[in-house]
Protein backbone atom coordinates (compact mmCIF):
# COMPACT_ATOMS: atom_id res chain seq x y z
CA MET A 1 -34.16 -10.76 11.46
CA GLN A 2 -35.82 -8.85 8.64
CA TYR A 3 -36.18 -10.06 5.06
CA HIS A 4 -37.80 -8.26 2.15
CA GLY A 5 -37.80 -8.26 -1.59
CA THR A 6 -39.66 -7.96 -4.86
CA VAL A 7 -40.25 -10.68 -7.43
CA GLU A 8 -41.20 -9.80 -10.99
CA VAL A 9 -43.82 -12.21 -12.38
CA ASN A 10 -45.27 -12.29 -15.87
CA ALA A 11 -48.90 -12.48 -14.73
CA LYS A 12 -51.88 -10.41 -13.70
CA LYS A 13 -52.64 -9.73 -10.05
CA GLU A 14 -55.58 -12.17 -9.98
CA GLU A 15 -53.48 -15.04 -11.38
CA ILE A 16 -50.74 -14.44 -8.80
CA PHE A 17 -53.27 -14.21 -5.96
CA SER A 18 -54.96 -17.48 -6.95
CA ILE A 19 -51.69 -19.37 -6.43
CA LEU A 20 -50.53 -17.52 -3.31
CA ASN A 21 -53.93 -17.79 -1.64
CA ASN A 22 -53.70 -21.61 -1.63
CA LEU A 23 -51.20 -22.78 1.00
CA GLU A 24 -51.11 -26.29 -0.47
CA ASP A 25 -49.70 -24.82 -3.71
CA VAL A 26 -47.34 -22.52 -1.84
CA ALA A 27 -46.15 -25.30 0.49
CA LYS A 28 -45.10 -27.49 -2.43
CA CYS A 29 -42.53 -24.80 -3.24
CA PHE A 30 -40.84 -24.87 0.18
CA PRO A 31 -37.78 -27.11 0.23
CA GLY A 32 -38.20 -30.11 2.55
CA ILE A 33 -41.99 -30.06 3.01
CA LYS A 34 -43.34 -33.51 3.91
CA SER A 35 -47.03 -32.81 4.56
CA VAL A 36 -49.63 -30.04 4.72
CA SER A 37 -53.10 -30.42 6.22
CA LYS A 38 -55.80 -27.84 6.77
CA GLU A 39 -57.56 -27.73 10.13
CA GLY A 40 -60.12 -24.94 10.31
CA GLU A 41 -58.39 -21.67 9.47
CA GLU A 42 -54.91 -23.06 10.14
CA TYR A 43 -52.56 -25.30 8.24
CA LYS A 44 -50.34 -27.87 9.92
CA VAL A 45 -47.04 -28.42 8.14
CA THR A 46 -44.24 -30.91 8.70
CA GLY A 47 -40.91 -30.91 6.97
CA THR A 48 -37.15 -31.25 7.11
CA ALA A 49 -34.73 -28.33 7.17
CA GLY A 50 -31.09 -27.67 7.73
CA ILE A 51 -28.91 -24.70 8.47
CA GLY A 52 -25.22 -25.40 8.52
CA PHE A 53 -24.57 -28.58 10.48
CA ILE A 54 -28.01 -28.50 12.18
CA LYS A 55 -30.54 -30.61 10.32
CA GLY A 56 -33.82 -32.18 11.36
CA ASP A 57 -37.58 -32.32 11.26
CA TYR A 58 -39.95 -29.53 12.22
CA LYS A 59 -43.66 -28.90 12.71
CA ALA A 60 -45.38 -25.59 12.07
CA ILE A 61 -48.80 -23.99 12.22
CA ILE A 62 -49.47 -21.42 9.50
CA LYS A 63 -52.41 -19.13 8.96
CA PHE A 64 -53.37 -16.30 6.64
CA ALA A 65 -54.60 -13.02 8.14
CA ASN A 66 -55.77 -9.61 6.96
CA ILE A 67 -56.53 -10.87 3.46
CA THR A 68 -57.38 -8.08 1.01
CA SER A 69 -57.42 -7.82 -2.77
CA ASP A 70 -53.86 -6.44 -2.55
CA GLY A 71 -52.30 -9.14 -0.38
CA PHE A 72 -52.25 -10.81 3.01
CA GLU A 73 -50.24 -11.57 6.11
CA LEU A 74 -48.84 -15.02 6.77
CA ILE A 75 -48.22 -15.99 10.39
CA ALA A 76 -46.19 -19.11 11.16
CA LYS A 77 -45.01 -20.68 14.38
CA GLY A 78 -42.81 -23.73 14.23
CA ASN A 79 -40.54 -25.89 16.30
CA GLY A 80 -37.99 -28.59 15.78
CA MET A 81 -34.25 -29.17 16.05
CA ASN A 82 -34.46 -27.87 19.64
CA SER A 83 -35.51 -24.46 18.29
CA ASN A 84 -38.56 -22.26 17.81
CA VAL A 85 -39.28 -20.00 14.85
CA ASP A 86 -41.94 -17.28 14.62
CA ILE A 87 -42.54 -15.63 11.26
CA THR A 88 -44.82 -12.75 10.39
CA ALA A 89 -44.78 -11.96 6.68
CA LYS A 90 -46.66 -9.37 4.65
CA VAL A 91 -47.21 -10.10 0.98
CA ASN A 92 -48.42 -7.42 -1.45
CA ILE A 93 -49.53 -8.39 -4.92
CA SER A 94 -49.93 -6.25 -8.02
CA ASP A 95 -49.81 -6.90 -11.75
CA ASN A 96 -46.44 -8.49 -12.56
CA LYS A 97 -45.08 -8.16 -9.02
CA ILE A 98 -44.96 -9.80 -5.59
CA GLU A 99 -43.50 -7.78 -2.74
CA TYR A 100 -42.77 -9.33 0.64
CA SER A 101 -41.40 -8.38 4.01
CA ALA A 102 -40.91 -10.81 6.86
CA ASP A 103 -39.90 -10.63 10.46
CA VAL A 104 -38.26 -13.89 11.58
CA LYS A 105 -37.60 -14.62 15.24
CA VAL A 106 -35.51 -17.66 16.10
CA SER A 107 -34.68 -19.12 19.50
CA GLY A 108 -32.87 -22.24 20.66
CA VAL A 109 -30.10 -24.10 18.87
CA LEU A 110 -30.72 -22.38 15.53
CA ALA A 111 -30.34 -18.97 17.16
CA SER A 112 -26.93 -20.02 18.46
CA VAL A 113 -25.77 -20.59 14.88
CA GLY A 114 -25.97 -16.83 14.38
CA ALA A 115 -26.48 -14.62 11.38
CA ARG A 116 -23.30 -15.86 9.71
CA LEU A 117 -25.04 -19.14 8.76
CA MET A 118 -28.70 -18.19 9.16
CA ASP A 119 -28.91 -15.31 6.69
CA PRO A 120 -27.44 -17.16 3.68
CA ALA A 121 -29.57 -20.26 4.39
CA ILE A 122 -32.81 -18.29 4.80
CA ASN A 123 -32.08 -16.16 1.72
CA LYS A 124 -31.48 -19.37 -0.27
CA MET A 125 -34.82 -20.82 0.91
CA ILE A 126 -36.65 -17.59 0.06
CA GLY A 127 -35.05 -17.58 -3.40
CA GLN A 128 -36.09 -21.20 -4.04
CA LEU A 129 -39.62 -20.49 -2.80
CA PHE A 130 -40.18 -17.49 -5.06
CA ASP A 131 -38.52 -19.12 -8.10
CA CYS A 132 -40.95 -22.02 -7.72
CA LEU A 133 -43.98 -19.75 -7.17
CA LYS A 134 -43.03 -17.65 -10.18
CA ALA A 135 -42.83 -20.78 -12.33
CA LYS A 136 -46.26 -21.97 -11.05
CA VAL A 137 -47.91 -18.62 -11.76
CA GLU A 138 -46.35 -18.18 -15.19
CA SER A 139 -47.24 -21.74 -16.27
CA LYS A 140 -50.99 -21.12 -15.73
């Protein structure tokens, strides 16, 4: 599944990057996050999520890659609820704007739910994430 979008933010590129470059700050914006810990270049995340009638805990490993002054890639691999999720996201940052594109691969029970329930749930989570990040950046 592919997701992409643009978020307008009232801030300079450097201010946006300072928030997005810190996974602890970003993680606080994800719904259901329970803990984040850094181990070397990776972050270990635990949380609770739900899509439709399937709800439960998950664990994920997240890392940043290809970091430049214009953005970065975020690579995440998680499992829980008898499912696996692999995400590769590219984030580009410029003055007053965050652009993202993500490739999400789901297998297991969550994949059986299908796009009918997955797409609205994932779009809602993405919306909540970027609303929170926008508020964090603009409050600095």
